[in-house]
Amino acid sequence: MGRNPGPRPGWSSTGGALILFSDGVTEARNGADRSLYGDERLRRLVAGLFDLPAVAMAEAIRLAALAFTGGRLSDDIVVLVMKVPHTRRTASG
């Protein structure tokens, strides 16, 4: 599974997400110039997805990698997203 060397995952009262993915996502190759989808492209994509439900986030990642390859995958793509919802603090705590 791929791992993001950026900020460490964590949970807070503002919610959070854990995204696991196979190397088929970041190593997906563009048909035109054979470039890789890569970690940085995935980070930029994920940064805009946090308002989506977990299922929609996973599907958006899968579809982005598929579109990048022109619909021709050379490896499997597995994406798992787990989210912790925002919690509301009450006056008592």
C-alpha atoms as a PDB file:
ATOM      1  CA  MET A   1       0.000   0.000   0.000  1.00  0.00           C
ATOM      2  CA  GLY A   2       1.174   3.518  -0.696  1.00  0.00           C
ATOM      3  CA  ARG A   3       2.030   5.868   2.083  1.00  0.00           C
ATOM      4  CA  ASN A   4       2.070   9.615   2.200  1.00  0.00           C
ATOM      5  CA  PRO A   5       5.330  10.885   3.725  1.00  0.00           C
ATOM      6  CA  GLY A   6       3.611  14.194   4.563  1.00  0.00           C
ATOM      7  CA  PRO A   7       1.829  15.054   7.809  1.00  0.00           C
ATOM      8  CA  ARG A   8       1.095  12.138  10.099  1.00  0.00           C
ATOM      9  CA  PRO A   9      -2.492  10.909  10.178  1.00  0.00           C
ATOM     10  CA  GLY A  10      -4.486  11.855  13.226  1.00  0.00           C
ATOM     11  CA  TRP A  11      -7.980  12.268  14.521  1.00  0.00           C
ATOM     12  CA  SER A  12      -9.398  15.389  16.053  1.00  0.00           C
ATOM     13  CA  SER A  13     -12.731  16.971  16.840  1.00  0.00           C
ATOM     14  CA  THR A  14     -12.641  18.513  13.373  1.00  0.00           C
ATOM     15  CA  GLY A  15     -12.660  15.062  11.751  1.00  0.00           C
ATOM     16  CA  GLY A  16     -10.041  13.310   9.705  1.00  0.00           C
ATOM     17  CA  ALA A  17      -9.406  10.718   7.038  1.00  0.00           C
ATOM     18  CA  LEU A  18      -7.101   7.783   6.536  1.00  0.00           C
ATOM     19  CA  ILE A  19      -6.473   6.979   2.891  1.00  0.00           C
ATOM     20  CA  LEU A  20      -4.812   3.711   1.912  1.00  0.00           C
ATOM     21  CA  PHE A  21      -4.019   2.950  -1.709  1.00  0.00           C
ATOM     22  CA  SER A  22      -2.087   0.448  -3.773  1.00  0.00           C
ATOM     23  CA  ASP A  23       0.916   1.457  -5.847  1.00  0.00           C
ATOM     24  CA  GLY A  24      -1.330   1.112  -8.894  1.00  0.00           C
ATOM     25  CA  VAL A  25      -2.587   4.627  -8.117  1.00  0.00           C
ATOM     26  CA  THR A  26       0.717   6.500  -7.863  1.00  0.00           C
ATOM     27  CA  GLU A  27       2.432   4.338 -10.489  1.00  0.00           C
ATOM     28  CA  ALA A  28      -0.355   4.694 -13.063  1.00  0.00           C
ATOM     29  CA  ARG A  29       1.278   5.768 -16.343  1.00  0.00           C
ATOM     30  CA  ASN A  30       0.034   8.392 -18.733  1.00  0.00           C
ATOM     31  CA  GLY A  31      -0.415   6.936 -22.208  1.00  0.00           C
ATOM     32  CA  ALA A  32       1.031   9.958 -24.022  1.00  0.00           C
ATOM     33  CA  ASP A  33       4.359  10.520 -22.269  1.00  0.00           C
ATOM     34  CA  ARG A  34       4.525   7.512 -19.885  1.00  0.00           C
ATOM     35  CA  SER A  35       4.805   9.822 -16.843  1.00  0.00           C
ATOM     36  CA  LEU A  36       3.627   8.522 -13.470  1.00  0.00           C
ATOM     37  CA  TYR A  37       0.538   9.780 -11.660  1.00  0.00           C
ATOM     38  CA  GLY A  38       2.765  10.227  -8.624  1.00  0.00           C
ATOM     39  CA  ASP A  39       2.475  11.232  -4.987  1.00  0.00           C
ATOM     40  CA  GLU A  40       2.304  14.988  -5.570  1.00  0.00           C
ATOM     41  CA  ARG A  41      -0.595  14.749  -8.046  1.00  0.00           C
ATOM     42  CA  LEU A  42      -2.426  12.493  -5.579  1.00  0.00           C
ATOM     43  CA  ARG A  43      -1.823  14.958  -2.706  1.00  0.00           C
ATOM     44  CA  ARG A  44      -3.253  17.827  -4.773  1.00  0.00           C
ATOM     45  CA  LEU A  45      -6.303  15.754  -5.688  1.00  0.00           C
ATOM     46  CA  VAL A  46      -6.951  14.610  -2.118  1.00  0.00           C
ATOM     47  CA  ALA A  47      -6.632  18.157  -0.770  1.00  0.00           C
ATOM     48  CA  GLY A  48      -9.796  19.062  -2.672  1.00  0.00           C
ATOM     49  CA  LEU A  49     -11.792  16.002  -1.645  1.00  0.00           C
ATOM     50  CA  PHE A  50     -12.101  16.263   2.134  1.00  0.00           C
ATOM     51  CA  ASP A  51     -15.681  17.535   2.050  1.00  0.00           C
ATOM     52  CA  LEU A  52     -16.797  14.357   0.258  1.00  0.00           C
ATOM     53  CA  PRO A  53     -17.966  11.151   1.938  1.00  0.00           C
ATOM     54  CA  ALA A  54     -15.368   8.367   2.119  1.00  0.00           C
ATOM     55  CA  VAL A  55     -16.918   6.369  -0.744  1.00  0.00           C
ATOM     56  CA  ALA A  56     -16.922   9.417  -3.021  1.00  0.00           C
ATOM     57  CA  MET A  57     -13.296  10.210  -2.119  1.00  0.00           C
ATOM     58  CA  ALA A  58     -12.176   6.693  -2.998  1.00  0.00           C
ATOM     59  CA  GLU A  59     -14.095   6.743  -6.270  1.00  0.00           C
ATOM     60  CA  ALA A  60     -12.692  10.169  -7.211  1.00  0.00           C
ATOM     61  CA  ILE A  61      -9.140   8.899  -6.653  1.00  0.00           C
ATOM     62  CA  ARG A  62      -9.802   5.774  -8.711  1.00  0.00           C
ATOM     63  CA  LEU A  63     -11.392   7.725 -11.552  1.00  0.00           C
ATOM     64  CA  ALA A  64      -8.597  10.327 -11.592  1.00  0.00           C
ATOM     65  CA  ALA A  65      -5.932   7.631 -11.955  1.00  0.00           C
ATOM     66  CA  LEU A  66      -7.990   5.882 -14.629  1.00  0.00           C
ATOM     67  CA  ALA A  67      -8.464   9.136 -16.562  1.00  0.00           C
ATOM     68  CA  PHE A  68      -4.729   9.883 -16.283  1.00  0.00           C
ATOM     69  CA  THR A  69      -3.937   6.579 -17.998  1.00  0.00           C
ATOM     70  CA  GLY A  70      -6.461   7.124 -20.746  1.00  0.00           C
ATOM     71  CA  GLY A  71      -8.503   4.244 -19.385  1.00  0.00           C
ATOM     72  CA  ARG A  72      -5.732   1.670 -19.715  1.00  0.00           C
ATOM     73  CA  LEU A  73      -4.416   0.405 -16.398  1.00  0.00           C
ATOM     74  CA  SER A  74      -1.291  -1.739 -16.241  1.00  0.00           C
ATOM     75  CA  ASP A  75      -1.801  -2.583 -12.553  1.00  0.00           C
ATOM     76  CA  ASP A  76      -4.692  -2.928 -10.146  1.00  0.00           C
ATOM     77  CA  ILE A  77      -5.955   0.083  -8.232  1.00  0.00           C
ATOM     78  CA  VAL A  78      -7.151  -0.285  -4.661  1.00  0.00           C
ATOM     79  CA  VAL A  79      -8.317   2.688  -2.606  1.00  0.00           C
ATOM     80  CA  LEU A  80      -9.669   2.570   0.937  1.00  0.00           C
ATOM     81  CA  VAL A  81     -10.825   5.717   2.716  1.00  0.00           C
ATOM     82  CA  MET A  82     -11.881   5.823   6.357  1.00  0.00           C
ATOM     83  CA  LYS A  83     -13.241   9.048   7.784  1.00  0.00           C
ATOM     84  CA  VAL A  84     -13.969  10.248  11.285  1.00  0.00           C
ATOM     85  CA  PRO A  85     -16.871  12.681  11.231  1.00  0.00           C
ATOM     86  CA  HIS A  86     -16.738  16.130  12.738  1.00  0.00           C
ATOM     87  CA  THR A  87     -17.870  16.088  16.334  1.00  0.00           C
ATOM     88  CA  ARG A  88     -19.679  18.851  18.114  1.00  0.00           C
ATOM     89  CA  ARG A  89     -18.550  19.931  21.509  1.00  0.00           C
ATOM     90  CA  THR A  90     -21.261  20.558  24.059  1.00  0.00           C
ATOM     91  CA  ALA A  91     -21.168  23.144  26.795  1.00  0.00           C
ATOM     92  CA  SER A  92     -20.330  20.374  29.260  1.00  0.00           C
ATOM     93  CA  GLY A  93     -17.292  19.222  27.376  1.00  0.00           C
END
